[in-house]
C-alpha atoms as a PDB file:
ATOM      1  CA  MET A   1      79.270 -52.992 -45.721  1.00  0.00           C
ATOM      2  CA  SER A   2      76.071 -53.576 -47.659  1.00  0.00           C
ATOM      3  CA  PRO A   3      74.782 -50.351 -49.244  1.00  0.00           C
ATOM      4  CA  HIS A   4      71.470 -51.055 -47.539  1.00  0.00           C
ATOM      5  CA  LEU A   5      73.160 -50.709 -44.138  1.00  0.00           C
ATOM      6  CA  ARG A   6      74.921 -47.452 -44.832  1.00  0.00           C
ATOM      7  CA  PRO A   7      73.636 -44.465 -42.869  1.00  0.00           C
ATOM      8  CA  SER A   8      71.930 -41.682 -44.725  1.00  0.00           C
ATOM      9  CA  PRO A   9      74.236 -38.807 -45.680  1.00  0.00           C
ATOM     10  CA  SER A  10      71.713 -36.570 -43.908  1.00  0.00           C
ATOM     11  CA  SER A  11      72.348 -38.189 -40.526  1.00  0.00           C
ATOM     12  CA  GLY A  12      75.236 -38.228 -38.126  1.00  0.00           C
ATOM     13  CA  PRO A  13      77.852 -35.819 -36.772  1.00  0.00           C
ATOM     14  CA  GLY A  14      78.216 -32.471 -38.486  1.00  0.00           C
ATOM     15  CA  ARG A  15      74.706 -32.484 -39.926  1.00  0.00           C
ATOM     16  CA  THR A  16      72.183 -29.802 -39.047  1.00  0.00           C
ATOM     17  CA  ALA A  17      68.574 -30.433 -38.034  1.00  0.00           C
ATOM     18  CA  VAL A  18      65.977 -27.724 -37.467  1.00  0.00           C
ATOM     19  CA  VAL A  19      63.169 -28.630 -35.061  1.00  0.00           C
ATOM     20  CA  THR A  20      60.240 -26.233 -34.803  1.00  0.00           C
ATOM     21  CA  GLY A  21      57.944 -26.128 -31.796  1.00  0.00           C
ATOM     22  CA  ALA A  22      60.962 -27.183 -29.755  1.00  0.00           C
ATOM     23  CA  SER A  23      60.187 -25.411 -26.483  1.00  0.00           C
ATOM     24  CA  SER A  24      58.173 -28.297 -25.022  1.00  0.00           C
ATOM     25  CA  GLY A  25      56.635 -31.710 -25.607  1.00  0.00           C
ATOM     26  CA  ILE A  26      57.483 -33.624 -28.771  1.00  0.00           C
ATOM     27  CA  GLY A  27      59.649 -30.843 -30.153  1.00  0.00           C
ATOM     28  CA  ALA A  28      61.847 -30.603 -27.065  1.00  0.00           C
ATOM     29  CA  ALA A  29      62.172 -34.395 -26.833  1.00  0.00           C
ATOM     30  CA  THR A  30      63.076 -34.591 -30.525  1.00  0.00           C
ATOM     31  CA  ALA A  31      65.728 -31.890 -30.225  1.00  0.00           C
ATOM     32  CA  LEU A  32      67.378 -33.732 -27.331  1.00  0.00           C
ATOM     33  CA  ARG A  33      67.161 -37.106 -29.062  1.00  0.00           C
ATOM     34  CA  LEU A  34      68.673 -35.843 -32.309  1.00  0.00           C
ATOM     35  CA  ALA A  35      71.464 -34.093 -30.405  1.00  0.00           C
ATOM     36  CA  ALA A  36      72.200 -37.370 -28.605  1.00  0.00           C
ATOM     37  CA  ASP A  37      72.390 -39.043 -32.029  1.00  0.00           C
ATOM     38  CA  GLY A  38      75.069 -36.576 -33.134  1.00  0.00           C
ATOM     39  CA  TRP A  39      73.057 -33.927 -34.955  1.00  0.00           C
ATOM     40  CA  GLU A  40      73.721 -30.227 -34.612  1.00  0.00           C
ATOM     41  CA  VAL A  41      70.212 -29.139 -33.658  1.00  0.00           C
ATOM     42  CA  VAL A  42      68.603 -25.744 -34.126  1.00  0.00           C
ATOM     43  CA  ALA A  43      65.745 -25.709 -31.617  1.00  0.00           C
ATOM     44  CA  ALA A  44      63.205 -23.122 -32.760  1.00  0.00           C
ATOM     45  CA  ALA A  45      60.110 -21.879 -30.928  1.00  0.00           C
ATOM     46  CA  ARG A  46      58.530 -18.736 -29.493  1.00  0.00           C
ATOM     47  CA  ARG A  47      59.641 -19.012 -25.852  1.00  0.00           C
ATOM     48  CA  GLN A  48      63.265 -18.051 -25.480  1.00  0.00           C
ATOM     49  CA  ASP A  49      63.511 -19.021 -21.808  1.00  0.00           C
ATOM     50  CA  ARG A  50      62.335 -22.563 -22.567  1.00  0.00           C
ATOM     51  CA  LEU A  51      64.751 -22.841 -25.482  1.00  0.00           C
ATOM     52  CA  GLU A  52      67.685 -21.677 -23.396  1.00  0.00           C
ATOM     53  CA  ALA A  53      66.844 -24.243 -20.720  1.00  0.00           C
ATOM     54  CA  LEU A  54      66.692 -26.905 -23.424  1.00  0.00           C
ATOM     55  CA  SER A  55      70.031 -25.931 -24.968  1.00  0.00           C
ATOM     56  CA  ALA A  56      71.617 -26.062 -21.516  1.00  0.00           C
ATOM     57  CA  GLN A  57      70.787 -29.783 -21.408  1.00  0.00           C
ATOM     58  CA  ALA A  58      72.739 -30.663 -24.561  1.00  0.00           C
ATOM     59  CA  PRO A  59      75.732 -28.928 -26.123  1.00  0.00           C
ATOM     60  CA  GLY A  60      74.509 -29.826 -29.608  1.00  0.00           C
ATOM     61  CA  VAL A  61      71.320 -27.772 -29.292  1.00  0.00           C
ATOM     62  CA  ARG A  62      71.234 -24.112 -30.399  1.00  0.00           C
ATOM     63  CA  ALA A  63      68.236 -21.960 -29.518  1.00  0.00           C
ATOM     64  CA  VAL A  64      66.596 -19.705 -32.120  1.00  0.00           C
ATOM     65  CA  VAL A  65      63.396 -17.810 -31.381  1.00  0.00           C
ATOM     66  CA  LEU A  66      60.739 -18.518 -34.015  1.00  0.00           C
ATOM     67  CA  ASP A  67      57.061 -17.763 -34.547  1.00  0.00           C
ATOM     68  CA  VAL A  68      55.903 -19.840 -37.512  1.00  0.00           C
ATOM     69  CA  THR A  69      52.902 -17.539 -37.998  1.00  0.00           C
ATOM     70  CA  ASP A  70      55.189 -14.530 -38.615  1.00  0.00           C
ATOM     71  CA  PRO A  71      56.869 -14.443 -42.057  1.00  0.00           C
ATOM     72  CA  ALA A  72      59.588 -12.087 -40.804  1.00  0.00           C
ATOM     73  CA  SER A  73      60.432 -14.461 -37.958  1.00  0.00           C
ATOM     74  CA  VAL A  74      60.622 -17.398 -40.357  1.00  0.00           C
ATOM     75  CA  SER A  75      62.909 -15.442 -42.683  1.00  0.00           C
ATOM     76  CA  ALA A  76      65.142 -14.582 -39.726  1.00  0.00           C
ATOM     77  CA  LEU A  77      65.400 -18.284 -38.875  1.00  0.00           C
ATOM     78  CA  ALA A  78      66.475 -19.146 -42.419  1.00  0.00           C
ATOM     79  CA  ALA A  79      69.151 -16.438 -42.288  1.00  0.00           C
ATOM     80  CA  GLN A  80      70.620 -18.118 -39.208  1.00  0.00           C
ATOM     81  CA  VAL A  81      70.545 -21.612 -40.747  1.00  0.00           C
ATOM     82  CA  PRO A  82      72.587 -21.568 -43.972  1.00  0.00           C
ATOM     83  CA  THR A  83      72.849 -25.373 -43.879  1.00  0.00           C
ATOM     84  CA  CYS A  84      69.886 -27.674 -43.206  1.00  0.00           C
ATOM     85  CA  ASP A  85      69.948 -31.429 -43.643  1.00  0.00           C
ATOM     86  CA  LEU A  86      66.734 -32.154 -41.754  1.00  0.00           C
ATOM     87  CA  LEU A  87      63.619 -30.136 -40.997  1.00  0.00           C
ATOM     88  CA  VAL A  88      61.315 -31.511 -38.330  1.00  0.00           C
ATOM     89  CA  ALA A  89      58.229 -29.359 -38.811  1.00  0.00           C
ATOM     90  CA  ASN A  90      56.648 -29.941 -35.433  1.00  0.00           C
ATOM     91  CA  ALA A  91      55.094 -26.605 -34.421  1.00  0.00           C
ATOM     92  CA  GLY A  92      51.350 -26.961 -33.923  1.00  0.00           C
ATOM     93  CA  GLY A  93      48.593 -27.421 -31.421  1.00  0.00           C
ATOM     94  CA  ALA A  94      44.862 -27.644 -30.737  1.00  0.00           C
ATOM     95  CA  PHE A  95      42.982 -24.728 -29.238  1.00  0.00           C
ATOM     96  CA  ASP A  96      39.452 -25.951 -28.658  1.00  0.00           C
ATOM     97  CA  LEU A  97      37.158 -28.982 -28.526  1.00  0.00           C
ATOM     98  CA  SER A  98      33.961 -27.286 -29.691  1.00  0.00           C
ATOM     99  CA  PRO A  99      31.195 -28.793 -31.812  1.00  0.00           C
ATOM    100  CA  LEU A 100      31.169 -27.363 -35.311  1.00  0.00           C
ATOM    101  CA  ALA A 101      27.894 -25.533 -34.684  1.00  0.00           C
ATOM    102  CA  GLU A 102      29.515 -23.645 -31.808  1.00  0.00           C
ATOM    103  CA  ALA A 103      33.044 -23.305 -33.133  1.00  0.00           C
ATOM    104  CA  ASP A 104      34.805 -19.973 -33.297  1.00  0.00           C
ATOM    105  CA  ALA A 105      36.064 -19.263 -36.807  1.00  0.00           C
ATOM    106  CA  GLU A 106      39.000 -17.249 -35.495  1.00  0.00           C
ATOM    107  CA  THR A 107      40.141 -20.235 -33.433  1.00  0.00           C
ATOM    108  CA  TRP A 108      39.934 -22.401 -36.544  1.00  0.00           C
ATOM    109  CA  ALA A 109      41.984 -19.820 -38.449  1.00  0.00           C
ATOM    110  CA  ARG A 110      44.623 -19.808 -35.697  1.00  0.00           C
ATOM    111  CA  THR A 111      44.727 -23.620 -35.721  1.00  0.00           C
ATOM    112  CA  TYR A 112      45.239 -23.692 -39.487  1.00  0.00           C
ATOM    113  CA  ASP A 113      47.829 -20.922 -39.363  1.00  0.00           C
ATOM    114  CA  VAL A 114      49.990 -22.663 -36.766  1.00  0.00           C
ATOM    115  CA  ASN A 115      49.620 -26.256 -37.965  1.00  0.00           C
ATOM    116  CA  VAL A 116      49.516 -25.826 -41.744  1.00  0.00           C
ATOM    117  CA  LEU A 117      50.659 -22.415 -42.938  1.00  0.00           C
ATOM    118  CA  GLY A 118      53.499 -22.568 -40.429  1.00  0.00           C
ATOM    119  CA  ILE A 119      54.819 -25.612 -42.271  1.00  0.00           C
ATOM    120  CA  VAL A 120      54.450 -23.871 -45.627  1.00  0.00           C
ATOM    121  CA  ARG A 121      56.347 -20.777 -44.460  1.00  0.00           C
ATOM    122  CA  THR A 122      59.123 -22.765 -42.808  1.00  0.00           C
ATOM    123  CA  LEU A 123      59.535 -25.150 -45.718  1.00  0.00           C
ATOM    124  CA  GLN A 124      59.687 -22.334 -48.259  1.00  0.00           C
ATOM    125  CA  ALA A 125      62.315 -20.467 -46.237  1.00  0.00           C
ATOM    126  CA  LEU A 126      64.545 -23.508 -45.680  1.00  0.00           C
ATOM    127  CA  LEU A 127      64.019 -25.194 -49.049  1.00  0.00           C
ATOM    128  CA  PRO A 128      67.192 -23.788 -50.689  1.00  0.00           C
ATOM    129  CA  ALA A 129      69.311 -25.197 -47.836  1.00  0.00           C
ATOM    130  CA  LEU A 130      67.429 -28.508 -47.881  1.00  0.00           C
ATOM    131  CA  THR A 131      67.841 -28.772 -51.653  1.00  0.00           C
ATOM    132  CA  ALA A 132      71.578 -28.096 -51.453  1.00  0.00           C
ATOM    133  CA  ALA A 133      71.914 -30.848 -48.847  1.00  0.00           C
ATOM    134  CA  ARG A 134      69.513 -33.287 -50.547  1.00  0.00           C
ATOM    135  CA  GLY A 135      67.957 -33.301 -47.101  1.00  0.00           C
ATOM    136  CA  GLN A 136      64.812 -34.541 -45.443  1.00  0.00           C
ATOM    137  CA  VAL A 137      61.533 -33.133 -44.147  1.00  0.00           C
ATOM    138  CA  VAL A 138      59.627 -34.835 -41.334  1.00  0.00           C
ATOM    139  CA  LEU A 139      56.186 -33.481 -40.498  1.00  0.00           C
ATOM    140  CA  THR A 140      54.626 -34.118 -37.104  1.00  0.00           C
ATOM    141  CA  GLY A 141      51.116 -35.148 -38.034  1.00  0.00           C
ATOM    142  CA  SER A 142      48.494 -36.911 -35.948  1.00  0.00           C
ATOM    143  CA  THR A 143      45.958 -39.702 -36.046  1.00  0.00           C
ATOM    144  CA  ALA A 144      43.592 -36.704 -36.243  1.00  0.00           C
ATOM    145  CA  GLY A 145      44.780 -36.496 -39.842  1.00  0.00           C
ATOM    146  CA  ARG A 146      43.015 -39.824 -40.456  1.00  0.00           C
ATOM    147  CA  TRP A 147      40.421 -40.230 -37.689  1.00  0.00           C
ATOM    148  CA  ILE A 148      37.513 -37.852 -37.126  1.00  0.00           C
ATOM    149  CA  TYR A 149      36.021 -37.190 -33.717  1.00  0.00           C
ATOM    150  CA  GLU A 150      33.301 -34.981 -32.291  1.00  0.00           C
ATOM    151  CA  GLY A 151      34.494 -31.561 -31.227  1.00  0.00           C
ATOM    152  CA  GLY A 152      37.768 -31.965 -33.047  1.00  0.00           C
ATOM    153  CA  GLY A 153      36.746 -30.266 -36.285  1.00  0.00           C
ATOM    154  CA  GLY A 154      39.312 -27.480 -36.356  1.00  0.00           C
ATOM    155  CA  TYR A 155      42.258 -29.639 -35.344  1.00  0.00           C
ATOM    156  CA  VAL A 156      41.123 -32.594 -37.457  1.00  0.00           C
ATOM    157  CA  ALA A 157      40.815 -30.373 -40.520  1.00  0.00           C
ATOM    158  CA  ALA A 158      44.284 -28.937 -39.934  1.00  0.00           C
ATOM    159  CA  LYS A 159      45.921 -32.336 -39.468  1.00  0.00           C
ATOM    160  CA  HIS A 160      44.166 -33.716 -42.550  1.00  0.00           C
ATOM    161  CA  ALA A 161      45.749 -30.766 -44.357  1.00  0.00           C
ATOM    162  CA  VAL A 162      49.159 -31.719 -42.938  1.00  0.00           C
ATOM    163  CA  ALA A 163      48.708 -35.211 -44.395  1.00  0.00           C
ATOM    164  CA  ALA A 164      47.838 -33.635 -47.748  1.00  0.00           C
ATOM    165  CA  LEU A 165      50.904 -31.395 -47.510  1.00  0.00           C
ATOM    166  CA  ARG A 166      53.104 -34.415 -46.975  1.00  0.00           C
ATOM    167  CA  GLU A 167      51.711 -36.174 -50.036  1.00  0.00           C
ATOM    168  CA  THR A 168      52.030 -33.007 -52.135  1.00  0.00           C
ATOM    169  CA  LEU A 169      55.596 -32.347 -51.028  1.00  0.00           C
ATOM    170  CA  ARG A 170      56.535 -35.953 -51.702  1.00  0.00           C
ATOM    171  CA  LEU A 171      55.452 -35.552 -55.326  1.00  0.00           C
ATOM    172  CA  GLU A 172      56.891 -32.094 -55.825  1.00  0.00           C
ATOM    173  CA  LEU A 173      60.287 -32.725 -54.223  1.00  0.00           C
ATOM    174  CA  VAL A 174      61.032 -36.246 -55.429  1.00  0.00           C
ATOM    175  CA  GLU A 175      63.276 -35.067 -58.276  1.00  0.00           C
ATOM    176  CA  SER A 176      65.311 -32.913 -55.873  1.00  0.00           C
ATOM    177  CA  GLY A 177      66.324 -35.947 -53.834  1.00  0.00           C
ATOM    178  CA  ILE A 178      64.633 -34.554 -50.712  1.00  0.00           C
ATOM    179  CA  ARG A 179      62.838 -37.168 -48.634  1.00  0.00           C
ATOM    180  CA  VAL A 180      59.455 -36.299 -47.101  1.00  0.00           C
ATOM    181  CA  SER A 181      57.912 -38.183 -44.187  1.00  0.00           C
ATOM    182  CA  GLU A 182      55.163 -37.856 -41.609  1.00  0.00           C
ATOM    183  CA  VAL A 183      55.111 -39.204 -38.065  1.00  0.00           C
ATOM    184  CA  ALA A 184      51.515 -39.337 -36.863  1.00  0.00           C
ATOM    185  CA  PRO A 185      50.975 -40.158 -33.170  1.00  0.00           C
ATOM    186  CA  GLY A 186      47.748 -40.889 -31.363  1.00  0.00           C
ATOM    187  CA  MET A 187      47.296 -40.023 -27.695  1.00  0.00           C
ATOM    188  CA  VAL A 188      50.477 -38.392 -26.388  1.00  0.00           C
ATOM    189  CA  ALA A 189      50.594 -37.187 -22.791  1.00  0.00           C
ATOM    190  CA  THR A 190      52.639 -33.985 -22.812  1.00  0.00           C
ATOM    191  CA  GLU A 191      52.653 -31.194 -20.293  1.00  0.00           C
ATOM    192  CA  GLU A 192      50.895 -28.634 -22.498  1.00  0.00           C
ATOM    193  CA  PHE A 193      48.851 -30.037 -25.410  1.00  0.00           C
ATOM    194  CA  SER A 194      45.547 -30.692 -23.635  1.00  0.00           C
ATOM    195  CA  LEU A 195      46.147 -27.895 -21.132  1.00  0.00           C
ATOM    196  CA  THR A 196      46.298 -25.457 -24.062  1.00  0.00           C
ATOM    197  CA  ARG A 197      43.272 -27.029 -25.735  1.00  0.00           C
ATOM    198  CA  PHE A 198      41.201 -26.605 -22.558  1.00  0.00           C
ATOM    199  CA  ALA A 199      42.388 -23.063 -21.827  1.00  0.00           C
ATOM    200  CA  GLY A 200      44.374 -24.027 -18.731  1.00  0.00           C
ATOM    201  CA  ASP A 201      41.780 -26.340 -17.134  1.00  0.00           C
ATOM    202  CA  ALA A 202      44.201 -28.838 -15.563  1.00  0.00           C
ATOM    203  CA  ASP A 203      41.532 -31.275 -14.337  1.00  0.00           C
ATOM    204  CA  ARG A 204      39.881 -31.507 -17.734  1.00  0.00           C
ATOM    205  CA  ALA A 205      43.250 -31.897 -19.438  1.00  0.00           C
ATOM    206  CA  ALA A 206      44.273 -34.714 -17.080  1.00  0.00           C
ATOM    207  CA  SER A 207      40.981 -36.548 -17.660  1.00  0.00           C
ATOM    208  CA  VAL A 208      41.889 -37.077 -21.327  1.00  0.00           C
ATOM    209  CA  TYR A 209      44.604 -39.543 -20.329  1.00  0.00           C
ATOM    210  CA  SER A 210      42.917 -41.071 -17.293  1.00  0.00           C
ATOM    211  CA  GLY A 211      43.276 -44.854 -17.297  1.00  0.00           C
ATOM    212  CA  VAL A 212      45.456 -44.867 -20.414  1.00  0.00           C
ATOM    213  CA  GLU A 213      49.183 -45.447 -20.611  1.00  0.00           C
ATOM    214  CA  ALA A 214      49.540 -42.838 -23.322  1.00  0.00           C
ATOM    215  CA  LEU A 215      52.516 -42.288 -25.581  1.00  0.00           C
ATOM    216  CA  THR A 216      55.231 -39.997 -24.276  1.00  0.00           C
ATOM    217  CA  ALA A 217      57.011 -37.236 -26.148  1.00  0.00           C
ATOM    218  CA  GLU A 218      60.096 -39.435 -26.080  1.00  0.00           C
ATOM    219  CA  ASP A 219      58.195 -42.254 -27.828  1.00  0.00           C
ATOM    220  CA  VAL A 220      57.395 -39.925 -30.713  1.00  0.00           C
ATOM    221  CA  ALA A 221      60.917 -38.491 -30.759  1.00  0.00           C
ATOM    222  CA  ASP A 222      62.224 -42.052 -31.062  1.00  0.00           C
ATOM    223  CA  ALA A 223      60.069 -42.598 -34.160  1.00  0.00           C
ATOM    224  CA  ILE A 224      61.214 -39.314 -35.700  1.00  0.00           C
ATOM    225  CA  ALA A 225      64.856 -40.159 -35.044  1.00  0.00           C
ATOM    226  CA  TRP A 226      64.376 -43.588 -36.638  1.00  0.00           C
ATOM    227  CA  VAL A 227      62.813 -42.064 -39.747  1.00  0.00           C
ATOM    228  CA  ALA A 228      65.678 -39.567 -39.984  1.00  0.00           C
ATOM    229  CA  SER A 229      68.285 -42.331 -39.689  1.00  0.00           C
ATOM    230  CA  ARG A 230      67.183 -44.385 -42.704  1.00  0.00           C
ATOM    231  CA  PRO A 231      69.530 -44.717 -45.698  1.00  0.00           C
ATOM    232  CA  ALA A 232      69.230 -41.993 -48.324  1.00  0.00           C
ATOM    233  CA  HIS A 233      67.483 -44.279 -50.810  1.00  0.00           C
ATOM    234  CA  VAL A 234      64.702 -45.099 -48.314  1.00  0.00           C
ATOM    235  CA  ASN A 235      61.697 -42.793 -47.872  1.00  0.00           C
ATOM    236  CA  ILE A 236      59.435 -43.618 -44.933  1.00  0.00           C
ATOM    237  CA  ASP A 237      56.149 -42.113 -46.063  1.00  0.00           C
ATOM    238  CA  VAL A 238      54.110 -42.368 -42.851  1.00  0.00           C
ATOM    239  CA  VAL A 239      54.648 -43.769 -39.368  1.00  0.00           C
ATOM    240  CA  GLN A 240      51.474 -43.931 -37.263  1.00  0.00           C
ATOM    241  CA  LEU A 241      51.936 -44.874 -33.622  1.00  0.00           C
ATOM    242  CA  THR A 242      49.359 -45.216 -30.873  1.00  0.00           C
ATOM    243  CA  PRO A 243      49.183 -46.477 -27.302  1.00  0.00           C
ATOM    244  CA  GLN A 244      48.300 -50.156 -27.139  1.00  0.00           C
ATOM    245  CA  GLN A 245      45.007 -49.128 -25.501  1.00  0.00           C
ATOM    246  CA  GLN A 246      43.977 -46.913 -28.427  1.00  0.00           C
ATOM    247  CA  ALA A 247      42.680 -48.748 -31.479  1.00  0.00           C
ATOM    248  CA  GLY A 248      40.775 -45.774 -32.875  1.00  0.00           C
ATOM    249  CA  VAL A 249      39.090 -42.600 -31.708  1.00  0.00           C
ATOM    250  CA  GLY A 250      36.073 -44.508 -30.481  1.00  0.00           C
ATOM    251  CA  LYS A 251      38.064 -47.462 -29.177  1.00  0.00           C
ATOM    252  CA  VAL A 252      40.172 -46.412 -26.198  1.00  0.00           C
ATOM    253  CA  VAL A 253      40.322 -48.966 -23.386  1.00  0.00           C
ATOM    254  CA  ARG A 254      40.682 -47.195 -20.046  1.00  0.00           C
ATOM    255  CA  ARG A 255      41.963 -49.104 -17.049  1.00  0.00           C
ATOM    256  CA  THR A 256      41.809 -48.044 -13.431  1.00  0.00           C
END
């Protein structure tokens, strides 16, 4: 077999992947997809009932309660994961769509804490295990880390920071053999993202995707799984994926 066709030593049966934000949406889809690919998956998130339902769907998924904003919770996760070949740092979210002049600073702080500092805490806690395995880190970014839109200031700033984290980690971890990647989707229709952003307003959340065949959580999970399956000598820096109808923030073709 050509060395370029060999699977990465960090993929396949017996390898451990940690997926944060795994109770719903992209995280849940990624946990199931990686388990189907033969990974032993640690699905980590705040909601234990959701995690238990997820683990019941696949024998390769183990539920661990995690709040990425709580250092003690992150440390407890690391204590339960002595081996880590892959970290999918997916926990995140948007909590408003307010113009900057009207934005609530505490909401911005929460957005940054979950999306950015959560990655820092999780990475620091799992880095010894990742280093021992010469593993891989995949960050769930967003086109919001490259495209700016009105009302998106807090989330856009956080996802730009995620992109900067990925570039920084790539430089700092290259000598360790750890690969660092980012998967950055555009419009993804999940059951909770926009509902959370609009404080439970289901009609407003649904209107975001009206007339657009948006990406699904499974589409993004497929990209993450592909990145994680590359040979060990290949680092996929960034994968950006969007619906065909979305060519930019200001260029979304809606069809009825």
